[in-house]
């Protein structure tokens, strides 16, 4: 997708810029398809980042709950 690693916030910022360009008609018609293609890449990246973060948070919560249960058994 991208050659360099970007952060979620950077992807959102770039998406917002693309949207502003498209809404403001500030881009040449020759650039429209490239902008839309890039926007789709960024959306896919953001979705994957959200899914990965959600999974990571669930795993952290599960581990925390296991620790709580262990502590209850010890008491």
N, C-alpha and C. Protein backbone atom coordinates (compact mmCIF):
# COMPACT_ATOMS: atom_id res chain seq x y z
N UNK A 1 0.83 -1.19 0.00
CA UNK A 1 0.00 0.00 0.00
C UNK A 1 0.87 1.25 0.00
N UNK A 2 1.56 1.49 1.07
CA UNK A 2 2.44 2.65 1.14
C UNK A 2 3.86 2.18 1.35
N UNK A 3 4.79 2.92 0.80
CA UNK A 3 6.19 2.54 0.92
C UNK A 3 6.74 2.86 2.30
N UNK A 4 6.25 3.92 2.91
CA UNK A 4 6.69 4.24 4.26
C UNK A 4 5.53 4.01 5.23
N UNK A 5 5.88 3.75 6.46
CA UNK A 5 4.87 3.51 7.47
C UNK A 5 4.30 4.84 7.92
N UNK A 6 2.99 4.90 7.95
CA UNK A 6 2.34 6.11 8.42
C UNK A 6 1.53 5.78 9.66
N UNK A 7 1.21 6.79 10.40
CA UNK A 7 0.38 6.62 11.59
C UNK A 7 -1.08 6.85 11.21
N UNK A 8 -1.94 6.34 12.07
CA UNK A 8 -3.38 6.48 11.84
C UNK A 8 -3.77 7.95 11.70
N UNK A 9 -3.25 8.79 12.58
CA UNK A 9 -3.61 10.21 12.55
C UNK A 9 -3.14 10.87 11.24
N UNK A 10 -2.01 10.43 10.74
CA UNK A 10 -1.52 10.96 9.46
C UNK A 10 -2.42 10.52 8.31
N UNK A 11 -2.88 9.28 8.37
CA UNK A 11 -3.78 8.77 7.32
C UNK A 11 -5.10 9.55 7.33
N UNK A 12 -5.62 9.80 8.52
CA UNK A 12 -6.88 10.56 8.62
C UNK A 12 -6.68 11.98 8.10
N UNK A 13 -5.57 12.58 8.44
CA UNK A 13 -5.30 13.94 7.96
C UNK A 13 -5.21 13.97 6.43
N UNK A 14 -4.52 12.98 5.87
CA UNK A 14 -4.41 12.93 4.42
C UNK A 14 -5.78 12.69 3.77
N UNK A 15 -6.59 11.84 4.38
CA UNK A 15 -7.95 11.61 3.87
C UNK A 15 -8.77 12.90 3.89
N UNK A 16 -8.66 13.64 4.99
CA UNK A 16 -9.38 14.91 5.08
C UNK A 16 -8.91 15.89 4.00
N UNK A 17 -7.61 15.91 3.75
CA UNK A 17 -7.09 16.79 2.69
C UNK A 17 -7.60 16.39 1.32
N UNK A 18 -7.64 15.10 1.06
CA UNK A 18 -8.18 14.62 -0.22
C UNK A 18 -9.64 15.02 -0.35
N UNK A 19 -10.40 14.83 0.72
CA UNK A 19 -11.81 15.19 0.70
C UNK A 19 -12.00 16.68 0.44
N UNK A 20 -11.21 17.50 1.11
CA UNK A 20 -11.29 18.95 0.88
C UNK A 20 -10.97 19.29 -0.57
N UNK A 21 -9.95 18.65 -1.11
CA UNK A 21 -9.59 18.89 -2.51
C UNK A 21 -10.75 18.52 -3.45
N UNK A 22 -11.35 17.37 -3.20
CA UNK A 22 -12.44 16.92 -4.06
C UNK A 22 -13.68 17.80 -3.92
N UNK A 23 -14.00 18.19 -2.70
CA UNK A 23 -15.16 19.04 -2.47
C UNK A 23 -14.94 20.45 -2.99
N UNK A 24 -13.72 20.93 -2.86
CA UNK A 24 -13.41 22.29 -3.26
C UNK A 24 -13.07 22.43 -4.73
N UNK A 25 -13.10 21.31 -5.41
CA UNK A 25 -12.78 21.31 -6.84
C UNK A 25 -11.42 21.96 -7.10
N UNK A 26 -10.48 21.72 -6.19
CA UNK A 26 -9.15 22.31 -6.31
C UNK A 26 -8.18 21.42 -7.07
N UNK A 27 -8.64 20.29 -7.54
CA UNK A 27 -7.72 19.40 -8.24
C UNK A 27 -8.11 19.29 -9.71
N UNK A 28 -7.12 19.00 -10.47
CA UNK A 28 -7.31 18.81 -11.90
C UNK A 28 -8.03 17.48 -12.13
N UNK A 29 -8.84 17.44 -13.15
CA UNK A 29 -9.60 16.23 -13.44
C UNK A 29 -8.68 15.03 -13.67
N UNK A 30 -7.47 15.28 -14.11
CA UNK A 30 -6.51 14.20 -14.32
C UNK A 30 -6.02 13.58 -13.00
N UNK A 31 -6.19 14.30 -11.91
CA UNK A 31 -5.74 13.83 -10.61
C UNK A 31 -6.83 13.12 -9.82
N UNK A 32 -8.07 13.22 -10.24
CA UNK A 32 -9.19 12.70 -9.47
C UNK A 32 -9.04 11.20 -9.20
N UNK A 33 -8.79 10.42 -10.23
CA UNK A 33 -8.71 8.97 -10.02
C UNK A 33 -7.55 8.60 -9.09
N UNK A 34 -6.42 9.28 -9.21
CA UNK A 34 -5.29 9.00 -8.33
C UNK A 34 -5.63 9.35 -6.88
N UNK A 35 -6.33 10.46 -6.68
CA UNK A 35 -6.73 10.87 -5.33
C UNK A 35 -7.70 9.85 -4.72
N UNK A 36 -8.65 9.40 -5.53
CA UNK A 36 -9.63 8.43 -5.04
C UNK A 36 -8.94 7.10 -4.73
N UNK A 37 -8.02 6.69 -5.58
CA UNK A 37 -7.27 5.45 -5.32
C UNK A 37 -6.50 5.56 -4.01
N UNK A 38 -5.85 6.68 -3.79
CA UNK A 38 -5.11 6.90 -2.55
C UNK A 38 -6.05 6.91 -1.35
N UNK A 39 -7.19 7.53 -1.50
CA UNK A 39 -8.17 7.57 -0.41
C UNK A 39 -8.61 6.16 -0.03
N UNK A 40 -8.83 5.31 -1.00
CA UNK A 40 -9.23 3.93 -0.73
C UNK A 40 -8.12 3.19 -0.01
N UNK A 41 -6.88 3.39 -0.41
CA UNK A 41 -5.75 2.77 0.28
C UNK A 41 -5.71 3.21 1.75
N UNK A 42 -5.93 4.49 1.97
CA UNK A 42 -5.89 5.03 3.33
C UNK A 42 -7.05 4.50 4.17
N UNK A 43 -8.21 4.37 3.57
CA UNK A 43 -9.37 3.83 4.29
C UNK A 43 -9.11 2.39 4.69
N UNK A 44 -8.56 1.59 3.78
CA UNK A 44 -8.23 0.21 4.10
C UNK A 44 -7.21 0.14 5.24
N UNK A 45 -6.21 1.00 5.17
CA UNK A 45 -5.19 1.06 6.23
C UNK A 45 -5.85 1.39 7.58
N UNK A 46 -6.71 2.40 7.59
CA UNK A 46 -7.36 2.81 8.84
C UNK A 46 -8.25 1.70 9.40
N UNK A 47 -9.00 1.05 8.55
CA UNK A 47 -9.85 -0.06 9.01
C UNK A 47 -9.00 -1.16 9.64
N UNK A 48 -7.92 -1.52 8.97
CA UNK A 48 -7.05 -2.58 9.49
C UNK A 48 -6.44 -2.16 10.83
N UNK A 49 -6.03 -0.91 10.92
CA UNK A 49 -5.45 -0.40 12.16
C UNK A 49 -6.47 -0.46 13.30
N UNK A 50 -7.71 -0.09 13.01
CA UNK A 50 -8.77 -0.13 14.03
C UNK A 50 -9.03 -1.57 14.46
N UNK A 51 -9.12 -2.49 13.50
CA UNK A 51 -9.37 -3.90 13.81
C UNK A 51 -8.24 -4.48 14.66
N UNK A 52 -7.00 -4.18 14.28
CA UNK A 52 -5.85 -4.68 15.04
C UNK A 52 -5.83 -4.11 16.46
N UNK A 53 -6.13 -2.84 16.59
CA UNK A 53 -6.14 -2.20 17.90
C UNK A 53 -7.25 -2.78 18.76
N UNK A 54 -8.41 -3.00 18.17
CA UNK A 54 -9.53 -3.58 18.91
C UNK A 54 -9.16 -4.98 19.42
N UNK A 55 -8.54 -5.78 18.58
CA UNK A 55 -8.12 -7.12 18.99
C UNK A 55 -7.09 -7.05 20.11
N UNK A 56 -6.15 -6.15 19.97
CA UNK A 56 -5.12 -5.98 20.99
C UNK A 56 -5.73 -5.57 22.33
N UNK A 57 -6.67 -4.65 22.30
CA UNK A 57 -7.32 -4.19 23.53
C UNK A 57 -8.11 -5.34 24.16
N UNK A 58 -8.80 -6.12 23.35
CA UNK A 58 -9.54 -7.27 23.90
C UNK A 58 -8.59 -8.24 24.59
N UNK A 59 -7.44 -8.50 23.97
CA UNK A 59 -6.47 -9.40 24.58
C UNK A 59 -5.92 -8.84 25.89
N UNK A 60 -5.69 -7.56 25.93
CA UNK A 60 -5.20 -6.92 27.16
C UNK A 60 -6.24 -7.04 28.26
N UNK A 61 -7.49 -6.81 27.93
CA UNK A 61 -8.57 -6.91 28.92
C UNK A 61 -8.70 -8.35 29.42
N UNK A 62 -8.59 -9.32 28.51
CA UNK A 62 -8.66 -10.72 28.92
C UNK A 62 -7.55 -11.07 29.90
N UNK A 63 -6.34 -10.62 29.59
CA UNK A 63 -5.21 -10.88 30.49
C UNK A 63 -5.42 -10.21 31.84
N UNK A 64 -5.96 -9.02 31.82
CA UNK A 64 -6.24 -8.31 33.08
C UNK A 64 -7.28 -9.07 33.90
N UNK A 65 -8.32 -9.55 33.23
CA UNK A 65 -9.36 -10.31 33.93
C UNK A 65 -8.80 -11.61 34.50
N UNK A 66 -7.90 -12.27 33.76
CA UNK A 66 -7.26 -13.48 34.28
C UNK A 66 -6.45 -13.17 35.52
N UNK A 67 -5.72 -12.07 35.49
CA UNK A 67 -4.93 -11.65 36.65
C UNK A 67 -5.82 -11.38 37.85
N UNK A 68 -6.96 -10.76 37.61
CA UNK A 68 -7.89 -10.49 38.70
C UNK A 68 -8.41 -11.78 39.32
N UNK A 69 -8.73 -12.74 38.47
CA UNK A 69 -9.22 -14.03 38.96
C UNK A 69 -8.15 -14.75 39.77
N UNK A 70 -6.90 -14.70 39.30
CA UNK A 70 -5.80 -15.32 40.02
C UNK A 70 -5.64 -14.69 41.39
N UNK A 71 -5.74 -13.36 41.44
CA UNK A 71 -5.61 -12.65 42.71
C UNK A 71 -6.74 -13.00 43.67
N UNK A 72 -7.94 -13.21 43.15
CA UNK A 72 -9.07 -13.58 44.00
C UNK A 72 -8.85 -14.97 44.60
N UNK A 73 -8.27 -15.87 43.81
CA UNK A 73 -8.02 -17.23 44.29
C UNK A 73 -6.96 -17.25 45.38
N UNK A 74 -5.99 -16.36 45.28
CA UNK A 74 -4.91 -16.29 46.25
C UNK A 74 -5.41 -15.72 47.58
N UNK A 75 -6.33 -14.78 47.50
CA UNK A 75 -6.85 -14.14 48.73
C UNK A 75 -7.67 -15.11 49.48
